[in-house]
Amino acid sequence: MQAMHLSARVGRICESATLRVTRRALHLKAEGVDVIDFGAGEPDFASPSVAVEAARQALADGFTKYTQNQGIPALRLALTRRFAERYGAPWTAEQALITVGGKGALFETALALFESGQEVVVHTPAWVSIPEQIRFAGAAVVEVATRGADGFAVDPDRMLAALSERTRAVILNSPCNPTGGVIEPEAIAAIVAGCAARGVLVISDETYERFVYDGLAPYSAAALAARYPETVVVVGSFSKTYAMTGWRLGYLLGPKALVDAAAMIQGHSTSNATSFAMKGALAAVEGAEPDVERMIAEYEARRDLLIPKLNALPGVRCLPPRGAFYAFPDVSACFRPGRNGSIAFAERLLDEAHVAVVAGDAFGSDDHVRISFACSRQALAEGLSRIERFLGAE
């Protein structure tokens, strides 16, 4: 049979490494294998009861029809009020778009902005979908590497030095998936100011905005939007903050021309996000803060249990992540014939120890693997015991 001819743009991207790990882990589980899953970036908490009840009531009330393409006005207004109260952001509800997940917001932004001949600057290691979406839109990725030795700190001077006459945007991710690194507010301010002077957009992926530890206060590039209204773009998600991954809700905030363009793209793809899910999200924004605070406190406790035990493993090095819910240990000293490189290491760990992690190669750093601590303390303890046995089996 003749092979299917696919578009050139599909050839520019690869399957999501995180979804590939999840698929393999689910396959093993279906076969009856007891898998400890450190691969999925998914909170193990239930969605807030206020959100569940609001969505249930919306269903009972028949709120199951199309809504405005941009999302229900009440949710867009609640979001912009939240960013105004926390960070002094100037956005109106007309500058907010509710999307099908934060990933949808980033994808629609990429399609609205990027094209062939342009460049987008990204600090690496980076979440797997960010470079893929840039390439899908036709632009080139310019990587600025960070180092585990200093907690994957982002240097504003190096980021700005990577700009060229072809640069369309800089994408920041803080707290960062996969590293847990947090960009200092002063560094974000310097990057935004430098980009504004050059007419370059700054797209801030803040999916893990609330997930910061050691007494750090959450920070958003939204704090700079009043001063640089045509530069700052913020993308976020309800998935992590409110443990609402399956609800598939995200958002885009920024200049109205960009939001309108992304909404037009959404109008030809998904149309509005799910109606009753948005009612649940509205209830979460307005009433789930106690749930959020409890979850973040538990994540910090898990981190504090995990990191010392990781560093006690032979050949493993890992600074405590300052945010998100991932550890990104350097396991290069554990490489051996047959498990040389993060991909082979992760595959052998899953096949032999039944522990799922994501290879760092997928994020741009082959010396590392990503471990999610969005799982129970019991699962963390069991998974670490299995990894220890795996490393001891030469």
Protein backbone atom coordinates (compact mmCIF):
# COMPACT_ATOMS: atom_id res chain seq x y z
CA MET A 1 0.00 0.00 0.00
CA GLN A 2 1.13 3.54 -0.68
CA ALA A 3 2.38 5.34 2.41
CA MET A 4 0.26 8.17 3.75
CA HIS A 5 1.62 11.55 2.68
CA LEU A 6 1.63 13.90 5.66
CA SER A 7 2.25 17.62 5.73
CA ALA A 8 5.73 19.01 6.18
CA ARG A 9 4.68 20.73 9.40
CA VAL A 10 3.94 17.37 11.04
CA GLY A 11 7.46 16.28 10.20
CA ARG A 12 8.82 19.19 12.23
CA ILE A 13 7.48 17.83 15.53
CA CYS A 14 7.74 14.68 17.66
CA GLU A 15 5.36 12.91 20.00
CA SER A 16 5.15 14.40 23.48
CA ALA A 17 7.68 12.55 25.62
CA THR A 18 5.57 12.98 28.76
CA LEU A 19 2.51 11.50 27.05
CA ARG A 20 4.64 8.66 25.66
CA VAL A 21 5.78 7.74 29.17
CA THR A 22 2.20 7.91 30.43
CA ARG A 23 1.05 5.65 27.61
CA ARG A 24 3.74 3.05 28.33
CA ALA A 25 3.01 3.14 32.06
CA LEU A 26 -0.73 2.68 31.45
CA HIS A 27 0.00 -0.23 29.11
CA LEU A 28 2.02 -1.99 31.80
CA LYS A 29 -0.64 -1.28 34.42
CA ALA A 30 -3.27 -2.79 32.11
CA GLU A 31 -1.15 -5.94 32.05
CA GLY A 32 -1.26 -6.09 35.83
CA VAL A 33 2.19 -4.60 36.49
CA ASP A 34 2.50 -2.48 39.64
CA VAL A 35 4.00 0.70 38.22
CA ILE A 36 5.11 3.65 40.34
CA ASP A 37 4.44 6.61 38.08
CA PHE A 38 6.80 9.53 38.56
CA GLY A 39 6.25 10.55 34.95
CA ALA A 40 2.90 12.28 34.89
CA GLY A 41 2.70 15.95 35.82
CA GLU A 42 -0.73 15.47 37.33
CA PRO A 43 -1.81 16.38 40.87
CA ASP A 44 -3.04 13.41 42.87
CA PHE A 45 -5.54 15.56 44.74
CA ALA A 46 -9.25 15.70 43.97
CA SER A 47 -10.55 18.82 42.24
CA PRO A 48 -11.88 21.35 44.78
CA SER A 49 -15.36 20.49 45.99
CA VAL A 50 -16.58 24.01 45.20
CA ALA A 51 -15.58 23.50 41.56
CA VAL A 52 -17.16 20.06 41.35
CA GLU A 53 -20.41 21.27 42.87
CA ALA A 54 -20.58 24.31 40.59
CA ALA A 55 -20.04 22.15 37.50
CA ARG A 56 -22.63 19.64 38.74
CA GLN A 57 -25.14 22.45 39.28
CA ALA A 58 -24.40 23.86 35.82
CA LEU A 59 -25.18 20.47 34.31
CA ALA A 60 -28.39 20.22 36.33
CA ASP A 61 -29.36 23.71 35.16
CA GLY A 62 -28.83 22.77 31.53
CA PHE A 63 -25.75 24.93 31.05
CA THR A 64 -24.54 22.62 28.32
CA LYS A 65 -24.73 24.75 25.18
CA TYR A 66 -22.19 26.80 23.28
CA THR A 67 -20.89 29.86 25.09
CA GLN A 68 -18.99 32.84 23.77
CA ASN A 69 -15.94 31.60 21.92
CA GLN A 70 -13.65 33.52 24.30
CA GLY A 71 -15.19 31.91 27.40
CA ILE A 72 -17.93 32.92 29.77
CA PRO A 73 -17.64 36.62 30.74
CA ALA A 74 -17.79 35.94 34.48
CA LEU A 75 -14.71 33.72 34.37
CA ARG A 76 -12.73 36.13 32.21
CA LEU A 77 -13.64 38.95 34.57
CA ALA A 78 -12.68 36.92 37.65
CA LEU A 79 -9.30 36.08 36.12
CA THR A 80 -8.46 39.67 35.23
CA ARG A 81 -9.56 40.83 38.68
CA ARG A 82 -7.30 38.22 40.28
CA PHE A 83 -4.29 39.44 38.30
CA ALA A 84 -5.17 43.07 39.01
CA GLU A 85 -5.42 42.43 42.76
CA ARG A 86 -2.26 40.30 43.00
CA TYR A 87 0.00 42.01 40.48
CA GLY A 88 -1.59 45.29 39.39
CA ALA A 89 -2.21 44.01 35.85
CA PRO A 90 -4.29 46.36 33.67
CA TRP A 91 -6.10 43.74 31.59
CA THR A 92 -9.85 43.80 31.01
CA ALA A 93 -12.09 40.82 30.38
CA GLU A 94 -11.75 41.55 26.66
CA GLN A 95 -8.04 40.79 26.98
CA ALA A 96 -8.66 37.32 28.38
CA LEU A 97 -9.26 34.10 26.45
CA ILE A 98 -10.33 30.82 28.06
CA THR A 99 -8.73 27.93 26.20
CA VAL A 100 -8.80 24.15 26.13
CA GLY A 101 -5.92 23.76 28.56
CA GLY A 102 -2.85 25.90 29.04
CA LYS A 103 -1.30 23.93 26.21
CA GLY A 104 -4.07 25.21 23.95
CA ALA A 105 -3.31 28.79 24.97
CA LEU A 106 0.38 28.38 24.12
CA PHE A 107 -0.41 26.64 20.83
CA GLU A 108 -2.89 29.29 19.69
CA THR A 109 -0.41 31.99 20.67
CA ALA A 110 2.31 30.31 18.61
CA LEU A 111 0.04 30.01 15.58
CA ALA A 112 -1.06 33.63 15.92
CA LEU A 113 2.50 35.00 16.16
CA PHE A 114 5.20 32.80 14.66
CA GLU A 115 6.09 32.03 11.06
CA SER A 116 8.96 30.97 8.85
CA GLY A 117 12.07 33.15 9.10
CA GLN A 118 11.43 34.14 12.70
CA GLU A 119 13.17 33.01 15.89
CA VAL A 120 11.88 32.42 19.40
CA VAL A 121 14.26 32.40 22.37
CA VAL A 122 13.68 29.72 25.02
CA HIS A 123 15.63 28.84 28.16
CA THR A 124 16.41 25.14 28.42
CA PRO A 125 15.76 22.56 29.76
CA ALA A 126 12.25 23.40 28.59
CA TRP A 127 8.84 21.80 28.73
CA VAL A 128 8.61 19.44 25.77
CA SER A 129 5.74 21.17 23.94
CA ILE A 130 7.23 24.67 23.85
CA PRO A 131 9.91 24.01 21.18
CA GLU A 132 7.59 21.68 19.25
CA GLN A 133 4.86 24.33 19.02
CA ILE A 134 7.37 26.91 17.82
CA ARG A 135 8.60 24.57 15.09
CA PHE A 136 5.06 23.60 14.12
CA ALA A 137 4.28 27.28 13.55
CA GLY A 138 7.33 27.47 11.27
CA ALA A 139 9.75 29.48 13.41
CA ALA A 140 13.18 28.47 14.69
CA VAL A 141 14.00 27.76 18.34
CA VAL A 142 16.98 29.55 19.89
CA GLU A 143 18.03 27.80 23.09
CA VAL A 144 19.72 29.44 26.07
CA ALA A 145 20.96 26.67 28.34
CA THR A 146 20.74 26.79 32.14
CA ARG A 147 22.71 24.64 34.60
CA GLY A 148 21.69 22.37 37.41
CA ALA A 149 24.65 23.52 39.48
CA ASP A 150 22.99 26.90 40.11
CA GLY A 151 19.41 25.68 40.24
CA PHE A 152 18.80 26.30 36.53
CA ALA A 153 18.89 30.06 37.04
CA VAL A 154 17.94 32.15 34.01
CA ASP A 155 20.48 34.89 33.24
CA PRO A 156 18.76 37.94 31.67
CA ASP A 157 21.96 39.08 29.98
CA ARG A 158 22.35 35.76 28.19
CA MET A 159 18.68 35.72 27.20
CA LEU A 160 18.89 39.21 25.73
CA ALA A 161 22.19 38.40 23.99
CA ALA A 162 20.35 35.64 22.11
CA LEU A 163 18.02 38.16 20.44
CA SER A 164 18.49 38.96 16.77
CA GLU A 165 16.68 40.94 14.12
CA ARG A 166 14.63 37.79 13.48
CA THR A 167 13.48 37.34 17.09
CA ARG A 168 9.68 37.45 17.46
CA ALA A 169 9.37 36.48 21.11
CA VAL A 170 11.02 35.17 24.25
CA ILE A 171 9.19 32.42 26.14
CA LEU A 172 9.73 32.22 29.90
CA ASN A 173 8.52 29.42 32.15
CA SER A 174 8.66 30.07 35.88
CA PRO A 175 8.40 28.00 37.98
CA CYS A 176 9.83 25.74 35.34
CA ASN A 177 8.72 22.36 34.11
CA PRO A 178 10.92 20.22 34.23
CA THR A 179 13.57 21.80 36.45
CA GLY A 180 11.58 23.45 39.24
CA GLY A 181 13.71 26.55 38.67
CA VAL A 182 12.26 29.95 39.55
CA ILE A 183 13.22 33.10 37.64
CA GLU A 184 13.92 36.01 39.95
CA PRO A 185 11.53 38.98 39.58
CA GLU A 186 14.51 41.24 38.81
CA ALA A 187 15.57 38.92 36.00
CA ILE A 188 12.06 38.89 34.52
CA ALA A 189 11.93 42.69 34.72
CA ALA A 190 15.28 42.99 32.93
CA ILE A 191 14.20 40.59 30.17
CA VAL A 192 10.87 42.37 29.66
CA ALA A 193 12.51 45.80 29.55
CA GLY A 194 15.14 44.61 27.08
CA CYS A 195 12.56 42.94 24.87
CA ALA A 196 10.25 45.97 24.94
CA ALA A 197 13.10 48.15 23.71
CA ARG A 198 13.53 45.80 20.74
CA GLY A 199 9.86 45.23 19.95
CA VAL A 200 10.02 41.58 21.06
CA LEU A 201 7.17 39.91 22.94
CA VAL A 202 7.66 38.12 26.25
CA ILE A 203 5.34 35.13 26.66
CA SER A 204 5.32 33.97 30.27
CA ASP A 205 4.11 30.41 30.82
CA GLU A 206 2.88 30.51 34.41
CA THR A 207 1.19 27.14 34.72
CA TYR A 208 2.98 26.65 38.08
CA GLU A 209 2.77 30.27 39.26
CA ARG A 210 1.47 29.36 42.73
CA PHE A 211 3.91 26.49 43.30
CA VAL A 212 6.82 28.12 45.12
CA TYR A 213 8.54 26.98 48.32
CA ASP A 214 10.87 28.09 51.11
CA GLY A 215 8.80 31.19 51.81
CA LEU A 216 9.00 32.56 48.27
CA ALA A 217 6.08 34.72 47.16
CA PRO A 218 4.43 33.89 43.83
CA TYR A 219 5.40 36.28 41.05
CA SER A 220 3.99 36.95 37.60
CA ALA A 221 5.16 38.89 34.58
CA ALA A 222 1.67 40.43 34.85
CA ALA A 223 3.24 42.83 37.36
CA LEU A 224 5.00 44.46 34.38
CA ALA A 225 2.01 44.58 32.01
CA ALA A 226 0.91 48.10 32.98
CA ARG A 227 4.35 49.47 32.12
CA TYR A 228 4.83 47.30 29.03
CA PRO A 229 1.27 46.64 27.76
CA GLU A 230 2.34 45.60 24.25
CA THR A 231 5.14 43.29 25.44
CA VAL A 232 3.80 41.09 28.24
CA VAL A 233 1.72 37.98 27.50
CA VAL A 234 0.73 35.52 30.25
CA VAL A 235 -0.46 31.96 29.75
CA GLY A 236 -1.80 29.87 32.62
CA SER A 237 -3.85 26.84 33.50
CA PHE A 238 -6.41 25.59 35.98
CA SER A 239 -4.96 22.08 35.73
CA LYS A 240 -2.19 22.27 38.33
CA THR A 241 -3.28 25.02 40.72
CA TYR A 242 -6.73 23.55 41.18
CA ALA A 243 -6.00 19.87 40.41
CA MET A 244 -8.34 20.10 37.40
CA THR A 245 -6.26 18.41 34.70
CA GLY A 246 -9.12 16.54 33.05
CA TRP A 247 -11.29 19.65 32.90
CA ARG A 248 -8.97 20.98 30.16
CA LEU A 249 -9.05 24.69 30.93
CA GLY A 250 -6.35 27.31 30.45
CA TYR A 251 -6.16 30.99 29.66
CA LEU A 252 -4.33 33.68 27.72
CA LEU A 253 -3.94 37.27 28.91
CA GLY A 254 -2.26 40.08 27.00
CA PRO A 255 -2.57 42.68 24.25
CA LYS A 256 -6.07 42.68 22.77
CA ALA A 257 -4.84 42.21 19.19
CA LEU A 258 -3.10 38.96 20.15
CA VAL A 259 -6.00 37.72 22.27
CA ASP A 260 -8.42 38.43 19.42
CA ALA A 261 -6.18 36.57 16.95
CA ALA A 262 -5.87 33.56 19.26
CA ALA A 263 -9.64 33.60 19.78
CA MET A 264 -10.16 33.57 16.02
CA ILE A 265 -7.92 30.51 15.73
CA GLN A 266 -9.82 28.87 18.57
CA GLY A 267 -13.06 29.64 16.77
CA HIS A 268 -11.91 27.44 13.90
CA SER A 269 -10.56 24.64 16.09
CA THR A 270 -12.27 23.89 19.40
CA SER A 271 -14.64 26.88 19.68
CA ASN A 272 -15.35 27.63 23.33
CA ALA A 273 -13.99 25.59 26.19
CA THR A 274 -16.50 23.26 27.88
CA SER A 275 -19.38 25.29 29.26
CA PHE A 276 -20.01 23.62 32.62
CA ALA A 277 -16.26 23.19 33.23
CA MET A 278 -15.90 26.97 33.08
CA LYS A 279 -18.57 27.30 35.77
CA GLY A 280 -16.46 24.99 37.93
CA ALA A 281 -13.33 27.02 37.19
CA LEU A 282 -15.12 30.22 38.19
CA ALA A 283 -16.01 28.67 41.54
CA ALA A 284 -12.40 27.55 41.97
CA VAL A 285 -11.03 31.06 41.34
CA GLU A 286 -13.52 32.56 43.77
CA GLY A 287 -13.56 29.94 46.52
CA ALA A 288 -10.84 27.29 46.36
CA GLU A 289 -7.91 29.19 47.92
CA PRO A 290 -7.87 26.99 51.07
CA ASP A 291 -7.59 23.89 48.86
CA VAL A 292 -4.71 25.46 46.93
CA GLU A 293 -2.80 26.35 50.07
CA ARG A 294 -3.19 22.83 51.49
CA MET A 295 -1.97 21.25 48.26
CA ILE A 296 1.10 23.46 47.99
CA ALA A 297 2.03 22.80 51.63
CA GLU A 298 1.84 19.07 50.96
CA TYR A 299 3.95 19.36 47.80
CA GLU A 300 6.63 21.20 49.76
CA ALA A 301 6.60 18.47 52.41
CA ARG A 302 6.99 15.82 49.72
CA ARG A 303 9.84 17.74 48.14
CA ASP A 304 11.60 17.90 51.49
CA LEU A 305 11.25 14.13 51.85
CA LEU A 306 12.31 13.37 48.28
CA ILE A 307 15.44 15.45 47.71
CA PRO A 308 17.63 14.10 50.57
CA LYS A 309 16.75 10.54 49.57
CA LEU A 310 17.55 11.22 45.93
CA ASN A 311 20.94 12.64 46.89
CA ALA A 312 21.61 9.55 49.02
CA LEU A 313 21.36 7.36 45.91
CA PRO A 314 24.73 6.47 44.37
CA GLY A 315 25.59 8.78 41.49
CA VAL A 316 22.50 11.00 41.80
CA ARG A 317 22.75 14.78 42.32
CA CYS A 318 19.78 17.10 42.77
CA LEU A 319 19.37 20.58 44.24
CA PRO A 320 15.95 21.22 45.83
CA PRO A 321 13.56 22.69 43.25
CA ARG A 322 12.29 26.10 44.28
CA GLY A 323 8.97 25.64 42.53
CA ALA A 324 6.62 23.38 40.51
CA PHE A 325 6.37 19.74 41.62
CA TYR A 326 9.29 18.17 39.79
CA ALA A 327 12.79 17.11 40.73
CA PHE A 328 15.29 17.08 37.88
CA PRO A 329 18.23 15.03 39.17
CA ASP A 330 21.49 14.57 37.29
CA VAL A 331 21.83 10.81 36.82
CA SER A 332 24.70 10.85 34.32
CA ALA A 333 27.01 9.16 36.84
CA CYS A 334 24.59 6.22 36.84
CA PHE A 335 24.89 5.57 33.11
CA ARG A 336 26.25 2.16 32.15
CA PRO A 337 26.34 0.03 29.01
CA GLY A 338 22.71 -0.68 28.17
CA ARG A 339 21.49 2.36 30.06
CA ASN A 340 23.79 5.00 28.63
CA GLY A 341 21.83 8.22 28.23
CA SER A 342 18.60 9.40 29.80
CA ILE A 343 16.32 7.64 27.32
CA ALA A 344 17.89 4.21 27.81
CA PHE A 345 18.09 4.84 31.56
CA ALA A 346 14.39 5.72 31.80
CA GLU A 347 13.34 2.78 29.61
CA ARG A 348 15.36 0.29 31.64
CA LEU A 349 14.03 1.77 34.89
CA LEU A 350 10.45 1.30 33.69
CA ASP A 351 10.99 -2.19 32.25
CA GLU A 352 13.05 -3.59 35.12
CA ALA A 353 12.04 -1.62 38.23
CA HIS A 354 8.57 -0.56 37.05
CA VAL A 355 9.21 3.09 37.88
CA ALA A 356 8.18 5.66 35.27
CA VAL A 357 10.27 8.83 34.89
CA VAL A 358 10.71 11.12 31.88
CA ALA A 359 14.07 11.18 30.12
CA GLY A 360 15.79 14.54 30.33
CA ASP A 361 16.70 14.30 26.65
CA ALA A 362 13.09 15.23 25.88
CA PHE A 363 13.59 18.56 27.68
CA GLY A 364 17.03 19.28 26.26
CA SER A 365 19.32 17.79 28.93
CA ASP A 366 20.39 14.19 28.47
CA ASP A 367 22.14 14.05 31.87
CA HIS A 368 18.87 14.32 33.77
CA VAL A 369 15.50 12.65 34.33
CA ARG A 370 12.32 14.30 35.54
CA ILE A 371 10.61 12.95 38.65
CA SER A 372 7.16 14.22 39.54
CA PHE A 373 6.34 14.35 43.25
CA ALA A 374 2.65 14.90 42.53
CA CYS A 375 2.01 11.50 44.09
CA SER A 376 1.60 10.12 47.58
CA ARG A 377 4.41 9.90 50.11
CA GLN A 378 3.96 6.14 50.06
CA ALA A 379 4.47 6.06 46.30
CA LEU A 380 7.57 8.24 46.65
CA ALA A 381 9.06 5.90 49.25
CA GLU A 382 8.35 2.77 47.22
CA GLY A 383 9.61 4.31 43.99
CA LEU A 384 12.86 5.44 45.60
CA SER A 385 13.40 1.95 47.03
CA ARG A 386 12.98 0.47 43.57
CA ILE A 387 15.37 2.99 42.04
CA GLU A 388 17.94 2.18 44.71
CA ARG A 389 17.71 -1.54 43.91
CA PHE A 390 17.89 -0.77 40.18
CA LEU A 391 21.06 1.28 40.61
CA GLY A 392 22.61 -1.44 42.72
CA ALA A 393 22.01 -4.11 40.07
CA GLU A 394 25.05 -3.78 37.82
